Amino acid sequence: MYPRFRLTQWRRQKDDCGEVVPMRNMQLTFGTGCAINRDMFYLSGTLDELESTEGNRVSRMVLYQGQTAEKWFYHDLPAWRVVSACYPEPEPEPEPEPDSVRKIYALSEQGDVDCYSREGSVIEKISDAGLGATLANYGYVTRIREIGSHLYVCGYGGQVYKRDTAGWIHVDAQLLQKKAGIGSIEDPNELLAALIQSTDETIGLVDINGLDEKSIYVVGNDGYIAFFDGASWIKLPKPTAAHLNCVLPVSADSVWVAGSKGTLLKGNFQAGFSAVARESLSTDFYSMALFNDRLFIGAGDGIYELDENGPQRLMVSDKFSLDSVATVDAKDGVLWVLASRRLARYDGTQWEVFENPHNLP
């Protein structure tokens, strides 16, 4: 049973003679996404022409649905910059309701949350997330994930939010950063010291993930890693000064972390983390997925797979022009790969690439 969503079908414009008009200057750059199942993938994109025009920002939320004739569907979120998406796994039911509503979530950098289903869109707001004149200015948020039975969001000001029946609440007592109180400092030396202290204490979280709600990791800028046991946060020793972009817990003992310049770490909160590969790369790692007991990594210059010699760039990166791979996601026996212009899928034997109508020649 596939989940159903109420979306707009993609239609290409035709001229007076009935010929398809190429979507010149309207190419779609993919940003982030998540797998729904082996045939469906949800992603955000930005229209290049609008992105280059000040004040016309829009996130186009796109659903690829391989089992339909149309394949591609979308809805727009004007003035949004979507940074993360997730599809919570439905609770197992002995006899699933034929019309049960499945929901998928998209997060904007300002803390807007779009909950989308076949019933339409419901927008929630994390009240003090983001930046603005009337906000607490903790900073932009970066990731939304389902952990256990709740949604979690993290952000650049050390924020960690949990969605419960009361809405979005803070679970970041040891992490949340306050703005530096430097407005009244006049002495140049004191001002410099305050700025340095503020910079040194900044916690910028980029990803959050966990096996359950009593085993949660956050990672972020300057090698920051912390662990949450359900009651309090434990700051871990920094194994690197590199920015860390993603964390993938596989078991209590095996947690992968990846980031800038090919940084790849493995460990856990008790034993600590150490580098798997010592050789620095010129590319950054953004996402990881374990597929068929193999670790795949999405990077700025393509897709990598870990072998005994470290991360190895796959030839399909060049074959299918897969760059800026922001998301790799394993689901239902396939590996999904989201690059800047293309969506790809790997079943362990064969690669397929799906072209969005905006990006066709």
Protein backbone atom coordinates (compact mmCIF):
# COMPACT_ATOMS: atom_id res chain seq x y z
CA MET A 1 0.00 0.00 0.00
CA TYR A 2 1.61 3.27 -1.12
CA PRO A 3 1.05 6.52 0.78
CA ARG A 4 -0.91 9.13 -1.13
CA PHE A 5 -0.14 12.84 -1.31
CA ARG A 6 -2.09 15.69 -2.85
CA LEU A 7 0.36 17.25 -5.29
CA THR A 8 0.36 19.04 -8.63
CA GLN A 9 1.18 16.99 -11.70
CA TRP A 10 4.12 18.24 -13.76
CA ARG A 11 3.04 19.61 -17.14
CA ARG A 12 5.48 20.90 -19.74
CA GLN A 13 4.41 23.93 -21.73
CA LYS A 14 3.69 23.64 -25.47
CA ASP A 15 3.84 26.24 -28.22
CA ASP A 16 1.08 27.06 -30.74
CA CYS A 17 2.08 24.07 -32.87
CA GLY A 18 1.84 21.68 -29.96
CA GLU A 19 5.59 21.27 -29.57
CA VAL A 20 7.05 21.01 -26.08
CA VAL A 21 8.79 24.22 -25.02
CA PRO A 22 12.12 23.60 -23.22
CA MET A 23 12.18 24.96 -19.67
CA ARG A 24 15.17 27.22 -20.35
CA ASN A 25 16.41 29.26 -17.39
CA MET A 26 14.08 27.29 -15.14
CA GLN A 27 16.36 24.47 -14.14
CA LEU A 28 15.82 22.98 -10.72
CA THR A 29 18.72 22.56 -8.30
CA PHE A 30 18.02 19.83 -5.76
CA GLY A 31 18.87 20.53 -2.15
CA THR A 32 17.81 17.82 0.28
CA GLY A 33 15.39 14.93 0.48
CA CYS A 34 14.39 11.58 1.94
CA ALA A 35 13.24 8.18 0.76
CA ILE A 36 9.65 7.11 1.35
CA ASN A 37 9.96 3.59 -0.03
CA ARG A 38 11.69 1.80 -2.93
CA ASP A 39 9.55 3.64 -5.50
CA MET A 40 9.04 7.07 -3.94
CA PHE A 41 11.41 9.89 -2.99
CA TYR A 42 10.61 13.37 -1.63
CA LEU A 43 12.96 16.30 -2.23
CA SER A 44 13.30 20.06 -2.16
CA GLY A 45 14.65 22.16 -5.00
CA THR A 46 15.18 25.76 -5.98
CA LEU A 47 14.37 27.23 -9.38
CA ASP A 48 17.62 28.74 -10.62
CA GLU A 49 15.95 31.70 -12.31
CA LEU A 50 14.05 32.66 -9.15
CA GLU A 51 16.98 31.99 -6.85
CA SER A 52 19.03 34.60 -8.71
CA THR A 53 16.26 37.19 -8.29
CA GLU A 54 16.20 38.92 -4.93
CA GLY A 55 12.93 38.50 -3.05
CA ASN A 56 11.67 35.58 -5.16
CA ARG A 57 12.93 32.69 -3.05
CA VAL A 58 10.80 29.55 -3.23
CA SER A 59 11.33 25.92 -2.31
CA ARG A 60 9.73 23.51 -4.74
CA MET A 61 8.83 20.30 -2.94
CA VAL A 62 8.98 17.42 -5.39
CA LEU A 63 7.71 13.87 -5.14
CA TYR A 64 9.07 11.22 -7.47
CA GLN A 65 6.54 8.37 -7.65
CA GLY A 66 7.85 5.65 -9.93
CA GLN A 67 4.68 3.56 -9.97
CA THR A 68 2.63 6.29 -11.66
CA ALA A 69 2.53 7.33 -15.31
CA GLU A 70 3.27 10.97 -14.47
CA LYS A 71 6.26 10.18 -12.19
CA TRP A 72 6.83 13.76 -10.94
CA PHE A 73 4.58 15.90 -8.70
CA TYR A 74 5.21 19.06 -6.70
CA HIS A 75 3.96 21.84 -4.46
CA ASP A 76 5.67 25.17 -3.74
CA LEU A 77 6.60 26.81 -0.45
CA PRO A 78 7.08 30.52 -1.26
CA ALA A 79 9.76 32.41 0.69
CA TRP A 80 11.08 29.18 2.22
CA ARG A 81 14.57 27.71 2.14
CA VAL A 82 14.05 24.05 2.98
CA VAL A 83 17.10 22.47 4.61
CA SER A 84 15.85 19.02 5.62
CA ALA A 85 13.03 16.53 5.09
CA CYS A 86 11.93 13.32 6.77
CA TYR A 87 9.30 10.65 6.37
CA PRO A 88 8.39 9.07 9.73
CA GLU A 89 7.92 5.34 9.45
CA PRO A 90 4.24 4.48 10.02
CA GLU A 91 3.46 2.37 13.05
CA PRO A 92 3.01 -1.30 12.12
CA GLU A 93 -0.65 -2.26 12.06
CA PRO A 94 -2.19 -5.74 11.82
CA GLU A 95 -4.62 -4.45 9.22
CA PRO A 96 -3.59 -1.02 7.85
CA GLU A 97 -6.40 1.37 7.12
CA PRO A 98 -6.82 1.66 3.33
CA ASP A 99 -7.19 5.43 3.60
CA SER A 100 -4.77 6.03 6.48
CA VAL A 101 -2.96 9.35 6.17
CA ARG A 102 0.80 9.26 5.79
CA LYS A 103 2.67 12.49 6.49
CA ILE A 104 5.99 13.83 5.31
CA TYR A 105 7.85 16.77 6.84
CA ALA A 106 10.01 19.56 5.46
CA LEU A 107 11.99 22.01 7.60
CA SER A 108 12.97 25.56 6.65
CA GLU A 109 16.07 27.24 8.03
CA GLN A 110 13.79 29.63 9.94
CA GLY A 111 12.05 26.83 11.81
CA ASP A 112 8.93 26.48 9.66
CA VAL A 113 7.73 22.87 9.40
CA ASP A 114 5.54 21.76 6.49
CA CYS A 115 3.51 18.65 7.31
CA TYR A 116 2.26 17.34 3.97
CA SER A 117 -0.21 14.58 3.13
CA ARG A 118 -3.07 13.83 0.76
CA GLU A 119 -5.17 16.12 2.95
CA GLY A 120 -2.92 19.04 2.07
CA SER A 121 -0.35 21.09 3.93
CA VAL A 122 -0.26 22.04 7.62
CA ILE A 123 2.40 24.56 8.64
CA GLU A 124 3.92 24.58 12.11
CA LYS A 125 6.40 27.10 13.50
CA ILE A 126 9.17 26.47 16.00
CA SER A 127 8.65 29.74 17.81
CA ASP A 128 12.21 30.80 18.66
CA ALA A 129 14.09 29.17 15.78
CA GLY A 130 15.75 31.16 13.01
CA LEU A 131 16.93 34.74 12.75
CA GLY A 132 14.85 37.91 12.76
CA ALA A 133 14.14 41.19 14.51
CA THR A 134 11.44 39.67 16.74
CA LEU A 135 13.12 36.31 17.36
CA ALA A 136 15.47 35.04 20.05
CA ASN A 137 18.11 34.71 17.32
CA TYR A 138 19.45 31.36 18.44
CA GLY A 139 20.18 30.75 14.77
CA TYR A 140 19.00 28.83 11.74
CA VAL A 141 17.93 25.22 12.15
CA THR A 142 19.53 22.51 10.06
CA ARG A 143 17.98 19.03 10.37
CA ILE A 144 14.71 17.26 11.13
CA ARG A 145 14.63 13.55 11.96
CA GLU A 146 12.33 11.03 13.55
CA ILE A 147 13.99 9.40 16.56
CA GLY A 148 11.90 6.92 18.48
CA SER A 149 8.33 8.17 18.36
CA HIS A 150 9.09 11.89 18.12
CA LEU A 151 10.46 14.41 15.64
CA TYR A 152 13.67 16.23 16.58
CA VAL A 153 15.26 19.36 15.10
CA CYS A 154 18.73 20.81 15.69
CA GLY A 155 20.31 24.15 14.80
CA TYR A 156 23.27 26.49 14.68
CA GLY A 157 22.70 27.98 18.14
CA GLY A 158 22.96 24.67 19.96
CA GLN A 159 19.21 24.23 19.69
CA VAL A 160 17.60 20.83 19.98
CA TYR A 161 13.82 20.74 19.73
CA LYS A 162 11.46 17.84 20.31
CA ARG A 163 7.91 17.75 19.00
CA ASP A 164 5.38 16.48 21.51
CA THR A 165 1.70 17.06 22.25
CA ALA A 166 2.49 20.56 23.53
CA GLY A 167 4.32 21.52 20.34
CA TRP A 168 8.04 22.05 19.83
CA ILE A 169 9.93 22.11 23.13
CA HIS A 170 13.62 22.58 23.98
CA VAL A 171 15.67 19.55 25.03
CA ASP A 172 19.02 21.35 24.96
CA ALA A 173 19.63 22.52 28.53
CA GLN A 174 23.40 22.02 28.31
CA LEU A 175 23.77 23.10 24.68
CA LEU A 176 21.61 26.14 23.93
CA GLN A 177 23.71 29.22 23.22
CA LYS A 178 22.91 32.76 24.27
CA LYS A 179 23.83 35.81 22.26
CA ALA A 180 27.00 37.45 23.54
CA GLY A 181 26.21 40.47 25.69
CA ILE A 182 28.59 42.86 23.94
CA GLY A 183 26.27 45.74 23.16
CA SER A 184 27.32 47.82 26.19
CA ILE A 185 31.07 47.08 26.09
CA GLU A 186 33.06 50.16 25.12
CA ASP A 187 36.64 49.19 25.93
CA PRO A 188 38.23 47.73 22.72
CA ASN A 189 40.21 45.08 24.62
CA GLU A 190 37.17 43.93 26.59
CA LEU A 191 35.10 43.90 23.39
CA LEU A 192 37.69 41.75 21.61
CA ALA A 193 37.84 39.35 24.56
CA ALA A 194 34.04 39.04 24.60
CA LEU A 195 33.93 38.36 20.87
CA ILE A 196 36.64 35.69 21.14
CA GLN A 197 34.84 34.06 24.07
CA SER A 198 31.58 34.10 22.14
CA THR A 199 33.25 32.47 19.12
CA ASP A 200 34.97 29.83 21.23
CA GLU A 201 31.73 28.86 22.93
CA THR A 202 29.55 28.74 19.83
CA ILE A 203 27.88 25.38 19.24
CA GLY A 204 26.66 25.02 15.67
CA LEU A 205 24.74 21.76 15.25
CA VAL A 206 24.36 20.36 11.73
CA ASP A 207 22.88 16.89 12.27
CA ILE A 208 21.01 14.86 14.86
CA ASN A 209 20.38 11.12 14.83
CA GLY A 210 19.83 8.27 17.23
CA LEU A 211 18.95 4.63 17.70
CA ASP A 212 16.26 5.64 20.19
CA GLU A 213 15.36 8.58 22.41
CA LYS A 214 17.90 7.56 25.06
CA SER A 215 20.75 7.32 22.58
CA ILE A 216 20.93 10.51 20.51
CA TYR A 217 23.98 12.12 18.90
CA VAL A 218 24.44 15.64 17.58
CA VAL A 219 27.39 16.79 15.47
CA GLY A 220 28.41 20.16 14.13
CA ASN A 221 31.04 22.75 13.44
CA ASP A 222 34.66 22.48 14.58
CA GLY A 223 34.45 18.79 15.44
CA TYR A 224 31.62 19.13 17.93
CA ILE A 225 29.95 15.89 19.10
CA ALA A 226 27.55 15.41 22.00
CA PHE A 227 25.44 12.51 23.30
CA PHE A 228 21.99 12.56 24.94
CA ASP A 229 20.93 9.72 27.23
CA GLY A 230 17.34 10.88 27.54
CA ALA A 231 18.06 13.07 30.56
CA SER A 232 21.20 15.13 29.93
CA TRP A 233 23.78 15.93 27.29
CA ILE A 234 27.40 14.80 27.42
CA LYS A 235 29.93 16.80 25.42
CA LEU A 236 32.50 14.45 23.90
CA PRO A 237 36.20 15.16 23.31
CA LYS A 238 36.74 16.61 19.85
CA PRO A 239 38.47 14.04 17.61
CA THR A 240 39.01 16.61 14.86
CA ALA A 241 38.73 20.32 14.11
CA ALA A 242 36.83 19.61 10.89
CA HIS A 243 33.19 20.59 10.48
CA LEU A 244 30.98 17.53 10.93
CA ASN A 245 27.93 17.29 8.68
CA CYS A 246 26.29 13.94 9.38
CA VAL A 247 26.01 11.17 11.96
CA LEU A 248 24.80 7.60 11.38
CA PRO A 249 24.30 5.34 14.42
CA VAL A 250 24.33 1.68 13.32
CA SER A 251 24.46 0.11 16.78
CA ALA A 252 25.32 1.16 20.32
CA ASP A 253 28.99 0.46 19.60
CA SER A 254 29.16 1.55 15.97
CA VAL A 255 28.43 5.20 15.12
CA TRP A 256 29.70 6.87 11.94
CA VAL A 257 30.40 10.60 11.63
CA ALA A 258 31.49 12.43 8.47
CA GLY A 259 32.30 15.97 7.47
CA SER A 260 34.57 18.41 5.69
CA LYS A 261 37.67 17.45 3.67
CA GLY A 262 36.74 13.78 3.62
CA THR A 263 36.59 13.42 7.40
CA LEU A 264 35.25 10.01 8.42
CA LEU A 265 35.09 8.93 12.07
CA LYS A 266 33.83 5.86 13.88
CA GLY A 267 33.18 5.22 17.56
CA ASN A 268 30.64 5.86 20.31
CA PHE A 269 30.14 8.11 23.30
CA GLN A 270 31.89 5.72 25.69
CA ALA A 271 34.96 4.79 23.65
CA GLY A 272 35.24 8.10 21.79
CA PHE A 273 35.71 8.63 18.06
CA SER A 274 38.74 8.15 15.85
CA ALA A 275 39.51 8.71 12.19
CA VAL A 276 38.86 5.82 9.81
CA ALA A 277 40.72 7.46 6.93
CA ARG A 278 43.77 9.63 7.56
CA GLU A 279 44.11 10.99 4.04
CA SER A 280 42.48 14.41 3.64
CA LEU A 281 40.31 14.91 0.55
CA SER A 282 39.42 18.07 -1.31
CA THR A 283 35.71 17.31 -1.01
CA ASP A 284 33.22 17.40 1.86
CA PHE A 285 31.02 14.52 3.02
CA TYR A 286 27.34 15.39 3.57
CA SER A 287 25.34 12.19 4.08
CA MET A 288 25.78 8.49 4.85
CA ALA A 289 23.74 5.31 4.46
CA LEU A 290 24.39 1.67 5.22
CA PHE A 291 23.19 -0.46 2.31
CA ASN A 292 23.79 -4.22 2.01
CA ASP A 293 26.33 -3.88 4.84
CA ARG A 294 28.27 -1.34 2.78
CA LEU A 295 28.76 2.29 3.83
CA PHE A 296 27.90 4.80 1.10
CA ILE A 297 28.71 8.49 1.42
CA GLY A 298 27.28 11.49 -0.42
CA ALA A 299 29.95 14.08 -1.19
CA GLY A 300 30.50 17.34 -3.01
CA ASP A 301 32.06 15.52 -5.96
CA GLY A 302 29.87 12.41 -6.07
CA ILE A 303 29.30 9.11 -4.28
CA TYR A 304 31.84 7.23 -2.18
CA GLU A 305 31.91 3.72 -0.77
CA LEU A 306 34.08 2.65 2.14
CA ASP A 307 36.46 -0.27 1.59
CA GLU A 308 39.55 -1.52 3.43
CA ASN A 309 41.58 1.34 1.95
CA GLY A 310 39.19 4.08 2.99
CA PRO A 311 36.45 5.97 1.11
CA GLN A 312 36.58 5.33 -2.64
CA ARG A 313 34.84 7.53 -5.20
CA LEU A 314 32.51 5.51 -7.44
CA MET A 315 32.68 5.74 -11.23
CA VAL A 316 28.92 6.28 -11.46
CA SER A 317 29.60 9.79 -10.15
CA ASP A 318 31.08 10.68 -13.54
CA LYS A 319 28.95 8.33 -15.63
CA PHE A 320 25.71 9.97 -14.49
CA SER A 321 27.09 13.44 -13.62
CA LEU A 322 26.23 13.06 -9.95
CA ASP A 323 27.70 15.98 -8.02
CA SER A 324 26.81 17.79 -4.78
CA VAL A 325 25.25 14.62 -3.39
CA ALA A 326 23.38 15.95 -0.37
CA THR A 327 21.41 12.81 0.46
CA VAL A 328 22.00 9.07 0.34
CA ASP A 329 19.19 7.04 1.88
CA ALA A 330 18.65 3.27 2.06
CA LYS A 331 15.05 2.07 2.12
CA ASP A 332 13.21 -1.13 1.18
CA GLY A 333 16.17 -2.80 -0.51
CA VAL A 334 17.39 0.15 -2.59
CA LEU A 335 19.82 3.04 -2.16
CA TRP A 336 18.55 6.48 -3.19
CA VAL A 337 21.05 9.18 -4.20
CA LEU A 338 20.10 12.85 -4.54
CA ALA A 339 22.56 14.95 -6.56
CA SER A 340 22.26 18.59 -7.58
CA ARG A 341 20.35 17.85 -10.82
CA ARG A 342 19.48 14.16 -10.75
CA LEU A 343 17.88 11.49 -8.63
CA ALA A 344 19.44 8.02 -8.77
CA ARG A 345 18.60 4.59 -7.37
CA TYR A 346 20.74 1.50 -6.84
CA ASP A 347 19.36 -1.98 -6.12
CA GLY A 348 22.72 -3.57 -5.40
CA THR A 349 23.26 -4.54 -9.03
CA GLN A 350 21.97 -1.83 -11.33
CA TRP A 351 21.92 1.97 -11.22
CA GLU A 352 18.98 4.01 -12.54
CA VAL A 353 18.85 7.77 -13.01
CA PHE A 354 15.62 9.79 -13.07
CA GLU A 355 15.52 13.16 -14.84
CA ASN A 356 13.17 15.84 -13.60
CA PRO A 357 11.21 17.69 -16.36
CA HIS A 358 12.89 20.98 -15.40
CA ASN A 359 16.33 19.53 -16.08
CA LEU A 360 15.69 17.80 -19.40
CA PRO A 361 17.65 19.15 -22.39
